[in-house]
Amino acid sequence: RQLELRPCADLRELIGSLRAARRRGCEFVL
């Protein structure tokens, strides 16, 4: 398995990263 780390400075960025995970087919999120 591979890991990717996304630091998010604010809530908007966190939500955007969750949506991007959906588009990219991420298998799991921490």
PDB file of all heavy atoms in Angstrom:
ATOM      1  N   ARG A   1       0.845  -1.199   0.000  1.00  0.00           N
ATOM      2  CA  ARG A   1       0.000   0.000   0.000  1.00  0.00           C
ATOM      3  C   ARG A   1       0.881   1.249   0.000  1.00  0.00           C
ATOM      4  O   ARG A   1       2.015   1.232   0.461  1.00  0.00           O
ATOM      5  CB  ARG A   1      -0.917   0.040   1.227  1.00  0.00           C
ATOM      6  CG  ARG A   1      -1.832  -1.129   1.340  1.00  0.00           C
ATOM      7  CD  ARG A   1      -2.840  -1.111   0.236  1.00  0.00           C
ATOM      8  NE  ARG A   1      -3.690  -2.295   0.346  1.00  0.00           N
ATOM      9  CZ  ARG A   1      -4.742  -2.488  -0.384  1.00  0.00           C
ATOM     10  NH1 ARG A   1      -5.115  -1.615  -1.264  1.00  0.00           N
ATOM     11  NH2 ARG A   1      -5.450  -3.584  -0.251  1.00  0.00           N
ATOM     12  N   GLN A   2       0.309   2.314  -0.525  1.00  0.00           N
ATOM     13  CA  GLN A   2       0.987   3.603  -0.554  1.00  0.00           C
ATOM     14  C   GLN A   2       0.254   4.584   0.354  1.00  0.00           C
ATOM     15  O   GLN A   2      -0.958   4.507   0.502  1.00  0.00           O
ATOM     16  CB  GLN A   2       1.019   4.166  -1.974  1.00  0.00           C
ATOM     17  CG  GLN A   2       1.782   3.317  -2.955  1.00  0.00           C
ATOM     18  CD  GLN A   2       3.248   3.206  -2.588  1.00  0.00           C
ATOM     19  OE1 GLN A   2       3.908   4.186  -2.269  1.00  0.00           O
ATOM     20  NE2 GLN A   2       3.766   1.986  -2.620  1.00  0.00           N
ATOM     21  N   LEU A   3       0.998   5.512   0.937  1.00  0.00           N
ATOM     22  CA  LEU A   3       0.422   6.579   1.753  1.00  0.00           C
ATOM     23  C   LEU A   3       0.643   7.914   1.077  1.00  0.00           C
ATOM     24  O   LEU A   3       1.677   8.133   0.435  1.00  0.00           O
ATOM     25  CB  LEU A   3       1.090   6.651   3.125  1.00  0.00           C
ATOM     26  CG  LEU A   3       0.830   5.552   4.131  1.00  0.00           C
ATOM     27  CD1 LEU A   3       1.555   5.860   5.436  1.00  0.00           C
ATOM     28  CD2 LEU A   3      -0.643   5.379   4.393  1.00  0.00           C
ATOM     29  N   GLU A   4      -0.316   8.787   1.236  1.00  0.00           N
ATOM     30  CA  GLU A   4      -0.160  10.175   0.814  1.00  0.00           C
ATOM     31  C   GLU A   4      -0.603  11.044   1.975  1.00  0.00           C
ATOM     32  O   GLU A   4      -1.628  10.780   2.598  1.00  0.00           O
ATOM     33  CB  GLU A   4      -1.012  10.482  -0.409  1.00  0.00           C
ATOM     34  CG  GLU A   4      -0.847  11.909  -0.880  1.00  0.00           C
ATOM     35  CD  GLU A   4      -1.699  12.259  -2.080  1.00  0.00           C
ATOM     36  OE1 GLU A   4      -2.146  11.337  -2.790  1.00  0.00           O
ATOM     37  OE2 GLU A   4      -1.920  13.458  -2.306  1.00  0.00           O
ATOM     38  N   LEU A   5       0.171  12.071   2.260  1.00  0.00           N
ATOM     39  CA  LEU A   5      -0.127  12.996   3.346  1.00  0.00           C
ATOM     40  C   LEU A   5      -0.567  14.331   2.768  1.00  0.00           C
ATOM     41  O   LEU A   5       0.113  14.886   1.908  1.00  0.00           O
ATOM     42  CB  LEU A   5       1.110  13.193   4.225  1.00  0.00           C
ATOM     43  CG  LEU A   5       0.998  14.208   5.350  1.00  0.00           C
ATOM     44  CD1 LEU A   5      -0.067  13.798   6.352  1.00  0.00           C
ATOM     45  CD2 LEU A   5       2.352  14.370   6.025  1.00  0.00           C
ATOM     46  N   ARG A   6      -1.702  14.824   3.219  1.00  0.00           N
ATOM     47  CA  ARG A   6      -2.215  16.134   2.805  1.00  0.00           C
ATOM     48  C   ARG A   6      -2.440  16.998   4.038  1.00  0.00           C
ATOM     49  O   ARG A   6      -3.427  16.835   4.734  1.00  0.00           O
ATOM     50  CB  ARG A   6      -3.553  15.980   2.090  1.00  0.00           C
ATOM     51  CG  ARG A   6      -3.463  15.374   0.739  1.00  0.00           C
ATOM     52  CD  ARG A   6      -3.138  16.482  -0.228  1.00  0.00           C
ATOM     53  NE  ARG A   6      -2.820  15.924  -1.499  1.00  0.00           N
ATOM     54  CZ  ARG A   6      -3.400  16.300  -2.605  1.00  0.00           C
ATOM     55  NH1 ARG A   6      -4.328  17.209  -2.596  1.00  0.00           N
ATOM     56  NH2 ARG A   6      -3.028  15.783  -3.751  1.00  0.00           N
ATOM     57  N   PRO A   7      -1.554  17.936   4.324  1.00  0.00           N
ATOM     58  CA  PRO A   7      -1.823  18.875   5.406  1.00  0.00           C
ATOM     59  C   PRO A   7      -2.860  19.897   4.932  1.00  0.00           C
ATOM     60  O   PRO A   7      -2.831  20.337   3.781  1.00  0.00           O
ATOM     61  CB  PRO A   7      -0.476  19.533   5.672  1.00  0.00           C
ATOM     62  CG  PRO A   7       0.353  19.264   4.461  1.00  0.00           C
ATOM     63  CD  PRO A   7      -0.230  18.088   3.750  1.00  0.00           C
ATOM     64  N   CYS A   8      -3.784  20.252   5.807  1.00  0.00           N
ATOM     65  CA  CYS A   8      -4.866  21.181   5.463  1.00  0.00           C
ATOM     66  C   CYS A   8      -4.842  22.351   6.440  1.00  0.00           C
ATOM     67  O   CYS A   8      -4.981  22.156   7.650  1.00  0.00           O
ATOM     68  CB  CYS A   8      -6.213  20.476   5.517  1.00  0.00           C
ATOM     69  SG  CYS A   8      -6.333  19.061   4.394  1.00  0.00           S
ATOM     70  N   ALA A   9      -4.696  23.548   5.927  1.00  0.00           N
ATOM     71  CA  ALA A   9      -4.574  24.735   6.758  1.00  0.00           C
ATOM     72  C   ALA A   9      -5.905  25.202   7.328  1.00  0.00           C
ATOM     73  O   ALA A   9      -5.942  25.850   8.364  1.00  0.00           O
ATOM     74  CB  ALA A   9      -3.926  25.867   5.957  1.00  0.00           C
ATOM     75  N   ASP A  10      -6.994  24.893   6.633  1.00  0.00           N
ATOM     76  CA  ASP A  10      -8.298  25.337   7.108  1.00  0.00           C
ATOM     77  C   ASP A  10      -9.368  24.328   6.713  1.00  0.00           C
ATOM     78  O   ASP A  10      -9.096  23.356   6.003  1.00  0.00           O
ATOM     79  CB  ASP A  10      -8.634  26.739   6.587  1.00  0.00           C
ATOM     80  CG  ASP A  10      -8.612  26.842   5.075  1.00  0.00           C
ATOM     81  OD1 ASP A  10      -8.930  25.846   4.384  1.00  0.00           O
ATOM     82  OD2 ASP A  10      -8.293  27.925   4.562  1.00  0.00           O
ATOM     83  N   LEU A  11     -10.582  24.569   7.196  1.00  0.00           N
ATOM     84  CA  LEU A  11     -11.670  23.631   6.960  1.00  0.00           C
ATOM     85  C   LEU A  11     -12.000  23.503   5.481  1.00  0.00           C
ATOM     86  O   LEU A  11     -12.266  22.402   4.992  1.00  0.00           O
ATOM     87  CB  LEU A  11     -12.907  24.066   7.747  1.00  0.00           C
ATOM     88  CG  LEU A  11     -14.098  23.130   7.703  1.00  0.00           C
ATOM     89  CD1 LEU A  11     -13.737  21.753   8.233  1.00  0.00           C
ATOM     90  CD2 LEU A  11     -15.260  23.726   8.474  1.00  0.00           C
ATOM     91  N   ARG A  12     -11.959  24.585   4.770  1.00  0.00           N
ATOM     92  CA  ARG A  12     -12.250  24.553   3.335  1.00  0.00           C
ATOM     93  C   ARG A  12     -11.275  23.625   2.597  1.00  0.00           C
ATOM     94  O   ARG A  12     -11.667  22.841   1.738  1.00  0.00           O
ATOM     95  CB  ARG A  12     -12.188  25.965   2.772  1.00  0.00           C
ATOM     96  CG  ARG A  12     -12.596  26.067   1.360  1.00  0.00           C
ATOM     97  CD  ARG A  12     -12.558  27.499   0.916  1.00  0.00           C
ATOM     98  NE  ARG A  12     -13.170  27.616  -0.383  1.00  0.00           N
ATOM     99  CZ  ARG A  12     -13.378  28.730  -1.005  1.00  0.00           C
ATOM    100  NH1 ARG A  12     -13.058  29.871  -0.441  1.00  0.00           N
ATOM    101  NH2 ARG A  12     -13.917  28.750  -2.177  1.00  0.00           N
ATOM    102  N   GLU A  13     -10.019  23.717   2.949  1.00  0.00           N
ATOM    103  CA  GLU A  13      -9.004  22.858   2.330  1.00  0.00           C
ATOM    104  C   GLU A  13      -9.215  21.390   2.714  1.00  0.00           C
ATOM    105  O   GLU A  13      -9.061  20.491   1.880  1.00  0.00           O
ATOM    106  CB  GLU A  13      -7.612  23.320   2.764  1.00  0.00           C
ATOM    107  CG  GLU A  13      -6.490  22.684   1.999  1.00  0.00           C
ATOM    108  CD  GLU A  13      -5.140  23.275   2.361  1.00  0.00           C
ATOM    109  OE1 GLU A  13      -5.074  24.369   2.966  1.00  0.00           O
ATOM    110  OE2 GLU A  13      -4.141  22.615   2.029  1.00  0.00           O
ATOM    111  N   LEU A  14      -9.604  21.127   3.954  1.00  0.00           N
ATOM    112  CA  LEU A  14      -9.882  19.766   4.393  1.00  0.00           C
ATOM    113  C   LEU A  14     -11.041  19.169   3.600  1.00  0.00           C
ATOM    114  O   LEU A  14     -10.959  18.050   3.096  1.00  0.00           O
ATOM    115  CB  LEU A  14     -10.195  19.752   5.888  1.00  0.00           C
ATOM    116  CG  LEU A  14     -10.444  18.392   6.514  1.00  0.00           C
ATOM    117  CD1 LEU A  14      -9.139  17.616   6.637  1.00  0.00           C
ATOM    118  CD2 LEU A  14     -11.086  18.555   7.878  1.00  0.00           C
ATOM    119  N   ILE A  15     -12.104  19.942   3.434  1.00  0.00           N
ATOM    120  CA  ILE A  15     -13.269  19.481   2.672  1.00  0.00           C
ATOM    121  C   ILE A  15     -12.889  19.266   1.210  1.00  0.00           C
ATOM    122  O   ILE A  15     -13.264  18.258   0.603  1.00  0.00           O
ATOM    123  CB  ILE A  15     -14.434  20.479   2.818  1.00  0.00           C
ATOM    124  CG1 ILE A  15     -14.951  20.429   4.257  1.00  0.00           C
ATOM    125  CG2 ILE A  15     -15.544  20.184   1.814  1.00  0.00           C
ATOM    126  CD1 ILE A  15     -15.876  21.567   4.623  1.00  0.00           C
ATOM    127  N   GLY A  16     -12.126  20.166   0.640  1.00  0.00           N
ATOM    128  CA  GLY A  16     -11.662  20.010  -0.739  1.00  0.00           C
ATOM    129  C   GLY A  16     -10.817  18.762  -0.916  1.00  0.00           C
ATOM    130  O   GLY A  16     -10.930  18.058  -1.921  1.00  0.00           O
ATOM    131  N   SER A  17      -9.986  18.458   0.065  1.00  0.00           N
ATOM    132  CA  SER A  17      -9.146  17.257  -0.007  1.00  0.00           C
ATOM    133  C   SER A  17      -9.982  15.984   0.099  1.00  0.00           C
ATOM    134  O   SER A  17      -9.673  14.987  -0.551  1.00  0.00           O
ATOM    135  CB  SER A  17      -8.085  17.286   1.088  1.00  0.00           C
ATOM    136  OG  SER A  17      -7.171  18.342   0.856  1.00  0.00           O
ATOM    137  N   LEU A  18     -11.040  16.013   0.905  1.00  0.00           N
ATOM    138  CA  LEU A  18     -11.955  14.863   0.962  1.00  0.00           C
ATOM    139  C   LEU A  18     -12.629  14.646  -0.390  1.00  0.00           C
ATOM    140  O   LEU A  18     -12.740  13.517  -0.862  1.00  0.00           O
ATOM    141  CB  LEU A  18     -13.021  15.074   2.036  1.00  0.00           C
ATOM    142  CG  LEU A  18     -12.599  14.789   3.469  1.00  0.00           C
ATOM    143  CD1 LEU A  18     -13.635  15.321   4.445  1.00  0.00           C
ATOM    144  CD2 LEU A  18     -12.364  13.314   3.664  1.00  0.00           C
ATOM    145  N   ARG A  19     -13.058  15.707  -1.008  1.00  0.00           N
ATOM    146  CA  ARG A  19     -13.705  15.588  -2.321  1.00  0.00           C
ATOM    147  C   ARG A  19     -12.717  15.110  -3.384  1.00  0.00           C
ATOM    148  O   ARG A  19     -13.065  14.317  -4.257  1.00  0.00           O
ATOM    149  CB  ARG A  19     -14.348  16.910  -2.704  1.00  0.00           C
ATOM    150  CG  ARG A  19     -15.555  17.187  -1.831  1.00  0.00           C
ATOM    151  CD  ARG A  19     -16.340  18.376  -2.288  1.00  0.00           C
ATOM    152  NE  ARG A  19     -17.557  18.446  -1.491  1.00  0.00           N
ATOM    153  CZ  ARG A  19     -17.973  19.541  -0.877  1.00  0.00           C
ATOM    154  NH1 ARG A  19     -17.300  20.663  -0.993  1.00  0.00           N
ATOM    155  NH2 ARG A  19     -19.082  19.513  -0.172  1.00  0.00           N
ATOM    156  N   ALA A  20     -11.484  15.574  -3.301  1.00  0.00           N
ATOM    157  CA  ALA A  20     -10.456  15.117  -4.247  1.00  0.00           C
ATOM    158  C   ALA A  20     -10.166  13.635  -4.049  1.00  0.00           C
ATOM    159  O   ALA A  20      -9.926  12.912  -5.020  1.00  0.00           O
ATOM    160  CB  ALA A  20      -9.175  15.942  -4.069  1.00  0.00           C
ATOM    161  N   ALA A  21     -10.211  13.164  -2.806  1.00  0.00           N
ATOM    162  CA  ALA A  21      -9.996  11.734  -2.534  1.00  0.00           C
ATOM    163  C   ALA A  21     -11.066  10.906  -3.239  1.00  0.00           C
ATOM    164  O   ALA A  21     -10.784   9.839  -3.765  1.00  0.00           O
ATOM    165  CB  ALA A  21     -10.024  11.473  -1.030  1.00  0.00           C
ATOM    166  N   ARG A  22     -12.266  11.411  -3.264  1.00  0.00           N
ATOM    167  CA  ARG A  22     -13.361  10.705  -3.947  1.00  0.00           C
ATOM    168  C   ARG A  22     -13.074  10.607  -5.436  1.00  0.00           C
ATOM    169  O   ARG A  22     -13.200   9.550  -6.034  1.00  0.00           O
ATOM    170  CB  ARG A  22     -14.687  11.428  -3.696  1.00  0.00           C
ATOM    171  CG  ARG A  22     -15.861  10.768  -4.390  1.00  0.00           C
ATOM    172  CD  ARG A  22     -17.130  11.573  -4.232  1.00  0.00           C
ATOM    173  NE  ARG A  22     -17.018  12.801  -4.988  1.00  0.00           N
ATOM    174  CZ  ARG A  22     -17.453  13.978  -4.572  1.00  0.00           C
ATOM    175  NH1 ARG A  22     -18.016  14.116  -3.411  1.00  0.00           N
ATOM    176  NH2 ARG A  22     -17.326  15.030  -5.332  1.00  0.00           N
ATOM    177  N   ARG A  23     -12.665  11.701  -6.027  1.00  0.00           N
ATOM    178  CA  ARG A  23     -12.401  11.711  -7.475  1.00  0.00           C
ATOM    179  C   ARG A  23     -11.227  10.818  -7.849  1.00  0.00           C
ATOM    180  O   ARG A  23     -11.200  10.251  -8.928  1.00  0.00           O
ATOM    181  CB  ARG A  23     -12.135  13.140  -7.954  1.00  0.00           C
ATOM    182  CG  ARG A  23     -13.363  14.024  -7.961  1.00  0.00           C
ATOM    183  CD  ARG A  23     -13.088  15.353  -8.622  1.00  0.00           C
ATOM    184  NE  ARG A  23     -11.999  16.094  -8.024  1.00  0.00           N
ATOM    185  CZ  ARG A  23     -12.132  16.953  -6.998  1.00  0.00           C
ATOM    186  NH1 ARG A  23     -13.295  17.170  -6.457  1.00  0.00           N
ATOM    187  NH2 ARG A  23     -11.080  17.594  -6.539  1.00  0.00           N
ATOM    188  N   ARG A  24     -10.261  10.695  -6.974  1.00  0.00           N
ATOM    189  CA  ARG A  24      -9.053   9.925  -7.279  1.00  0.00           C
ATOM    190  C   ARG A  24      -9.155   8.464  -6.866  1.00  0.00           C
ATOM    191  O   ARG A  24      -8.208   7.709  -7.054  1.00  0.00           O
ATOM    192  CB  ARG A  24      -7.859  10.585  -6.600  1.00  0.00           C
ATOM    193  CG  ARG A  24      -7.572  11.931  -7.247  1.00  0.00           C
ATOM    194  CD  ARG A  24      -6.500  12.737  -6.611  1.00  0.00           C
ATOM    195  NE  ARG A  24      -5.480  12.003  -5.937  1.00  0.00           N
ATOM    196  CZ  ARG A  24      -4.776  12.503  -4.935  1.00  0.00           C
ATOM    197  NH1 ARG A  24      -5.017  13.694  -4.486  1.00  0.00           N
ATOM    198  NH2 ARG A  24      -3.845  11.783  -4.380  1.00  0.00           N
ATOM    199  N   GLY A  25     -10.272   8.061  -6.305  1.00  0.00           N
ATOM    200  CA  GLY A  25     -10.441   6.657  -5.962  1.00  0.00           C
ATOM    201  C   GLY A  25      -9.608   6.192  -4.785  1.00  0.00           C
ATOM    202  O   GLY A  25      -9.149   5.053  -4.769  1.00  0.00           O
ATOM    203  N   CYS A  26      -9.428   7.020  -3.805  1.00  0.00           N
ATOM    204  CA  CYS A  26      -8.681   6.658  -2.610  1.00  0.00           C
ATOM    205  C   CYS A  26      -9.355   5.466  -1.921  1.00  0.00           C
ATOM    206  O   CYS A  26     -10.572   5.410  -1.809  1.00  0.00           O
ATOM    207  CB  CYS A  26      -8.644   7.864  -1.679  1.00  0.00           C
ATOM    208  SG  CYS A  26      -7.761   7.581  -0.169  1.00  0.00           S
ATOM    209  N   GLU A  27      -8.566   4.504  -1.458  1.00  0.00           N
ATOM    210  CA  GLU A  27      -9.108   3.299  -0.835  1.00  0.00           C
ATOM    211  C   GLU A  27      -9.435   3.469   0.645  1.00  0.00           C
ATOM    212  O   GLU A  27     -10.258   2.732   1.179  1.00  0.00           O
ATOM    213  CB  GLU A  27      -8.125   2.144  -0.980  1.00  0.00           C
ATOM    214  CG  GLU A  27      -7.946   1.685  -2.407  1.00  0.00           C
ATOM    215  CD  GLU A  27      -6.979   0.543  -2.459  1.00  0.00           C
ATOM    216  OE1 GLU A  27      -5.754   0.806  -2.488  1.00  0.00           O
ATOM    217  OE2 GLU A  27      -7.444  -0.611  -2.470  1.00  0.00           O
ATOM    218  N   PHE A  28      -8.787   4.398   1.310  1.00  0.00           N
ATOM    219  CA  PHE A  28      -8.994   4.573   2.744  1.00  0.00           C
ATOM    220  C   PHE A  28      -8.481   5.949   3.141  1.00  0.00           C
ATOM    221  O   PHE A  28      -7.530   6.448   2.548  1.00  0.00           O
ATOM    222  CB  PHE A  28      -8.204   3.507   3.522  1.00  0.00           C
ATOM    223  CG  PHE A  28      -8.869   3.076   4.793  1.00  0.00           C
ATOM    224  CD1 PHE A  28      -9.609   1.913   4.833  1.00  0.00           C
ATOM    225  CD2 PHE A  28      -8.773   3.839   5.945  1.00  0.00           C
ATOM    226  CE1 PHE A  28     -10.229   1.508   5.998  1.00  0.00           C
ATOM    227  CE2 PHE A  28      -9.386   3.458   7.108  1.00  0.00           C
ATOM    228  CZ  PHE A  28     -10.120   2.275   7.141  1.00  0.00           C
ATOM    229  N   VAL A  29      -9.105   6.559   4.161  1.00  0.00           N
ATOM    230  CA  VAL A  29      -8.687   7.877   4.643  1.00  0.00           C
ATOM    231  C   VAL A  29      -8.464   7.817   6.148  1.00  0.00           C
ATOM    232  O   VAL A  29      -9.290   7.263   6.882  1.00  0.00           O
ATOM    233  CB  VAL A  29      -9.752   8.956   4.325  1.00  0.00           C
ATOM    234  CG1 VAL A  29      -9.390  10.301   4.968  1.00  0.00           C
ATOM    235  CG2 VAL A  29      -9.926   9.118   2.824  1.00  0.00           C
ATOM    236  N   LEU A  30      -7.349   8.375   6.586  1.00  0.00           N
ATOM    237  CA  LEU A  30      -7.122   8.655   7.997  1.00  0.00           C
ATOM    238  C   LEU A  30      -7.340  10.151   8.157  1.00  0.00           C
ATOM    239  O   LEU A  30      -6.625  10.952   7.557  1.00  0.00           O
ATOM    240  CB  LEU A  30      -5.708   8.268   8.434  1.00  0.00           C
ATOM    241  CG  LEU A  30      -5.295   6.810   8.232  1.00  0.00           C
ATOM    242  CD1 LEU A  30      -3.900   6.574   8.795  1.00  0.00           C
ATOM    243  CD2 LEU A  30      -6.288   5.853   8.851  1.00  0.00           C
TER     244      LEU A  30
END
